[in-house]
């Protein structure tokens, strides 16, 4: 089992950044419905699920960094 983050979509392909920073391509059809850029995925063999908890944690970290960057 590995974790990854959807980096971008290129046509029918999802480019996913895997744990160590390697990029892997997956068919969009293999992803759960509603998957979007920035979602954290759990990849276990042929099964791919969205980690809602992981996705929320990542989004909060990004929001916090943006707040720091753009402080008055």
N, C-alpha and C. Protein backbone atom coordinates (compact mmCIF):
# COMPACT_ATOMS: atom_id res chain seq x y z
N UNK A 1 0.85 -1.18 0.00
CA UNK A 1 0.00 0.00 0.00
C UNK A 1 0.89 1.24 0.00
N UNK A 2 0.57 2.18 -0.88
CA UNK A 2 1.30 3.45 -0.94
C UNK A 2 0.29 4.60 -0.96
N UNK A 3 0.79 5.77 -0.66
CA UNK A 3 -0.03 6.97 -0.72
C UNK A 3 0.48 7.85 -1.86
N UNK A 4 -0.41 8.62 -2.42
CA UNK A 4 -0.03 9.55 -3.47
C UNK A 4 -0.99 10.73 -3.48
N UNK A 5 -0.58 11.77 -4.19
CA UNK A 5 -1.40 12.97 -4.32
C UNK A 5 -1.59 13.24 -5.80
N UNK A 6 -2.83 13.49 -6.19
CA UNK A 6 -3.09 13.80 -7.60
C UNK A 6 -2.45 15.15 -7.91
N UNK A 7 -1.47 15.13 -8.80
CA UNK A 7 -0.76 16.34 -9.19
C UNK A 7 -1.49 17.08 -10.30
N UNK A 8 -1.98 16.31 -11.29
CA UNK A 8 -2.67 16.94 -12.42
C UNK A 8 -3.32 15.85 -13.27
N UNK A 9 -4.18 16.32 -14.17
CA UNK A 9 -4.78 15.45 -15.16
C UNK A 9 -4.27 15.85 -16.53
N UNK A 10 -3.95 14.87 -17.34
CA UNK A 10 -3.53 15.09 -18.72
C UNK A 10 -4.42 14.21 -19.60
N UNK A 11 -5.49 14.79 -20.09
CA UNK A 11 -6.45 14.01 -20.87
C UNK A 11 -7.09 12.96 -20.00
N UNK A 12 -6.93 11.70 -20.38
CA UNK A 12 -7.54 10.59 -19.64
C UNK A 12 -6.59 9.99 -18.61
N UNK A 13 -5.49 10.68 -18.34
CA UNK A 13 -4.46 10.20 -17.41
C UNK A 13 -4.41 11.11 -16.18
N UNK A 14 -4.27 10.49 -15.01
CA UNK A 14 -4.03 11.21 -13.77
C UNK A 14 -2.56 11.02 -13.41
N UNK A 15 -1.85 12.12 -13.20
CA UNK A 15 -0.45 12.07 -12.79
C UNK A 15 -0.44 12.20 -11.27
N UNK A 16 0.10 11.18 -10.61
CA UNK A 16 0.05 11.09 -9.15
C UNK A 16 1.47 11.10 -8.59
N UNK A 17 1.71 11.98 -7.63
CA UNK A 17 3.00 12.01 -6.94
C UNK A 17 2.94 10.99 -5.81
N UNK A 18 3.82 10.00 -5.89
CA UNK A 18 3.86 8.92 -4.91
C UNK A 18 4.79 9.34 -3.77
N UNK A 19 4.57 8.74 -2.59
CA UNK A 19 5.30 9.04 -1.35
C UNK A 19 6.63 9.76 -1.52
N UNK A 20 7.59 9.15 -2.17
CA UNK A 20 8.94 9.70 -2.24
C UNK A 20 9.15 10.78 -3.28
N UNK A 21 8.10 11.18 -3.99
CA UNK A 21 8.23 12.23 -4.98
C UNK A 21 8.24 11.71 -6.41
N UNK A 22 8.24 10.38 -6.57
CA UNK A 22 8.15 9.81 -7.91
C UNK A 22 6.77 10.06 -8.47
N UNK A 23 6.68 10.22 -9.79
CA UNK A 23 5.40 10.42 -10.45
C UNK A 23 4.97 9.13 -11.14
N UNK A 24 3.69 8.82 -11.02
CA UNK A 24 3.12 7.66 -11.70
C UNK A 24 1.85 8.09 -12.42
N UNK A 25 1.60 7.47 -13.56
CA UNK A 25 0.39 7.74 -14.32
C UNK A 25 -0.64 6.65 -14.08
N UNK A 26 -1.88 7.06 -13.90
CA UNK A 26 -3.00 6.14 -13.73
C UNK A 26 -4.11 6.57 -14.68
N UNK A 27 -4.85 5.63 -15.23
CA UNK A 27 -6.03 6.03 -16.01
C UNK A 27 -7.04 6.72 -15.09
N UNK A 28 -7.63 7.81 -15.56
CA UNK A 28 -8.64 8.49 -14.75
C UNK A 28 -9.76 7.55 -14.37
N UNK A 29 -10.04 6.59 -15.24
CA UNK A 29 -11.13 5.65 -14.99
C UNK A 29 -10.84 4.74 -13.79
N UNK A 30 -9.56 4.64 -13.37
CA UNK A 30 -9.20 3.80 -12.23
C UNK A 30 -9.41 4.54 -10.90
N UNK A 31 -9.60 5.86 -10.97
CA UNK A 31 -9.76 6.65 -9.75
C UNK A 31 -11.22 6.66 -9.30
N UNK A 32 -11.44 6.88 -8.01
CA UNK A 32 -12.82 6.98 -7.53
C UNK A 32 -13.53 8.19 -8.16
N UNK A 33 -14.84 8.08 -8.31
CA UNK A 33 -15.62 9.22 -8.83
C UNK A 33 -15.40 10.44 -7.96
N UNK A 34 -15.25 11.58 -8.59
CA UNK A 34 -15.08 12.83 -7.85
C UNK A 34 -13.65 13.15 -7.47
N UNK A 35 -12.70 12.29 -7.84
CA UNK A 35 -11.29 12.56 -7.51
C UNK A 35 -10.85 13.84 -8.22
N UNK A 36 -10.09 14.67 -7.50
CA UNK A 36 -9.63 15.93 -8.10
C UNK A 36 -8.20 16.23 -7.69
N UNK A 37 -7.61 17.19 -8.38
CA UNK A 37 -6.23 17.59 -8.11
C UNK A 37 -6.10 17.95 -6.64
N UNK A 38 -5.04 17.43 -6.01
CA UNK A 38 -4.78 17.70 -4.60
C UNK A 38 -5.30 16.62 -3.66
N UNK A 39 -6.13 15.72 -4.17
CA UNK A 39 -6.65 14.64 -3.32
C UNK A 39 -5.53 13.66 -2.98
N UNK A 40 -5.52 13.21 -1.73
CA UNK A 40 -4.59 12.16 -1.33
C UNK A 40 -5.24 10.81 -1.61
N UNK A 41 -4.48 9.95 -2.27
CA UNK A 41 -4.97 8.63 -2.62
C UNK A 41 -4.25 7.56 -1.81
N UNK A 42 -4.97 6.48 -1.54
CA UNK A 42 -4.36 5.28 -0.97
C UNK A 42 -4.46 4.23 -2.06
N UNK A 43 -3.30 3.73 -2.48
CA UNK A 43 -3.22 2.78 -3.57
C UNK A 43 -2.80 1.44 -2.99
N UNK A 44 -3.71 0.48 -3.08
CA UNK A 44 -3.48 -0.85 -2.51
C UNK A 44 -3.76 -1.87 -3.61
N UNK A 45 -2.70 -2.23 -4.34
CA UNK A 45 -2.87 -3.13 -5.48
C UNK A 45 -3.69 -2.45 -6.56
N UNK A 46 -4.82 -3.05 -6.92
CA UNK A 46 -5.70 -2.48 -7.94
C UNK A 46 -6.76 -1.56 -7.36
N UNK A 47 -6.76 -1.40 -6.05
CA UNK A 47 -7.78 -0.58 -5.39
C UNK A 47 -7.21 0.79 -5.04
N UNK A 48 -7.92 1.83 -5.50
CA UNK A 48 -7.52 3.20 -5.20
C UNK A 48 -8.68 3.88 -4.49
N UNK A 49 -8.39 4.46 -3.32
CA UNK A 49 -9.41 5.19 -2.58
C UNK A 49 -8.88 6.58 -2.24
N UNK A 50 -9.79 7.49 -1.98
CA UNK A 50 -9.42 8.85 -1.56
C UNK A 50 -9.36 8.87 -0.04
N UNK A 51 -8.25 9.37 0.49
CA UNK A 51 -8.13 9.56 1.93
C UNK A 51 -8.66 10.95 2.26
N UNK A 52 -9.91 11.01 2.73
CA UNK A 52 -10.51 12.31 3.04
C UNK A 52 -9.74 13.00 4.15
N UNK A 53 -9.33 12.23 5.16
CA UNK A 53 -8.56 12.80 6.27
C UNK A 53 -7.22 13.36 5.77
N UNK A 54 -6.52 12.58 4.95
CA UNK A 54 -5.23 13.02 4.40
C UNK A 54 -5.37 14.24 3.52
N UNK A 55 -6.44 14.27 2.70
CA UNK A 55 -6.68 15.40 1.81
C UNK A 55 -6.94 16.66 2.62
N UNK A 56 -7.77 16.56 3.65
CA UNK A 56 -8.07 17.73 4.49
C UNK A 56 -6.82 18.24 5.19
N UNK A 57 -5.98 17.32 5.67
CA UNK A 57 -4.74 17.71 6.34
C UNK A 57 -3.83 18.47 5.37
N UNK A 58 -3.70 17.97 4.15
CA UNK A 58 -2.87 18.64 3.14
C UNK A 58 -3.41 20.03 2.82
N UNK A 59 -4.72 20.13 2.65
CA UNK A 59 -5.32 21.43 2.32
C UNK A 59 -5.12 22.43 3.44
N UNK A 60 -5.23 21.96 4.69
CA UNK A 60 -5.01 22.86 5.83
C UNK A 60 -3.56 23.34 5.86
N UNK A 61 -2.61 22.42 5.62
CA UNK A 61 -1.20 22.81 5.59
C UNK A 61 -0.94 23.85 4.51
N UNK A 62 -1.54 23.66 3.35
CA UNK A 62 -1.36 24.62 2.25
C UNK A 62 -1.98 25.96 2.62
N UNK A 63 -3.19 25.94 3.18
CA UNK A 63 -3.84 27.18 3.60
C UNK A 63 -3.00 27.92 4.63
N UNK A 64 -2.43 27.19 5.59
CA UNK A 64 -1.59 27.82 6.61
C UNK A 64 -0.35 28.45 5.99
N UNK A 65 0.27 27.75 5.05
CA UNK A 65 1.45 28.30 4.37
C UNK A 65 1.09 29.55 3.57
N UNK A 66 -0.06 29.53 2.91
CA UNK A 66 -0.49 30.69 2.13
C UNK A 66 -0.75 31.88 3.06
N UNK A 67 -1.36 31.61 4.22
CA UNK A 67 -1.62 32.68 5.18
C UNK A 67 -0.30 33.29 5.66
N UNK A 68 0.70 32.46 5.92
CA UNK A 68 2.01 32.96 6.34
C UNK A 68 2.65 33.79 5.25
N UNK A 69 2.55 33.32 4.03
CA UNK A 69 3.19 33.99 2.90
C UNK A 69 2.60 35.36 2.63
N UNK A 70 1.28 35.47 2.79
CA UNK A 70 0.61 36.70 2.43
C UNK A 70 0.14 37.52 3.63
N UNK A 71 0.82 37.37 4.77
CA UNK A 71 0.48 38.17 5.94
C UNK A 71 0.77 39.64 5.63
N UNK A 72 -0.05 40.51 6.23
CA UNK A 72 0.15 41.96 6.05
C UNK A 72 1.36 42.44 6.79
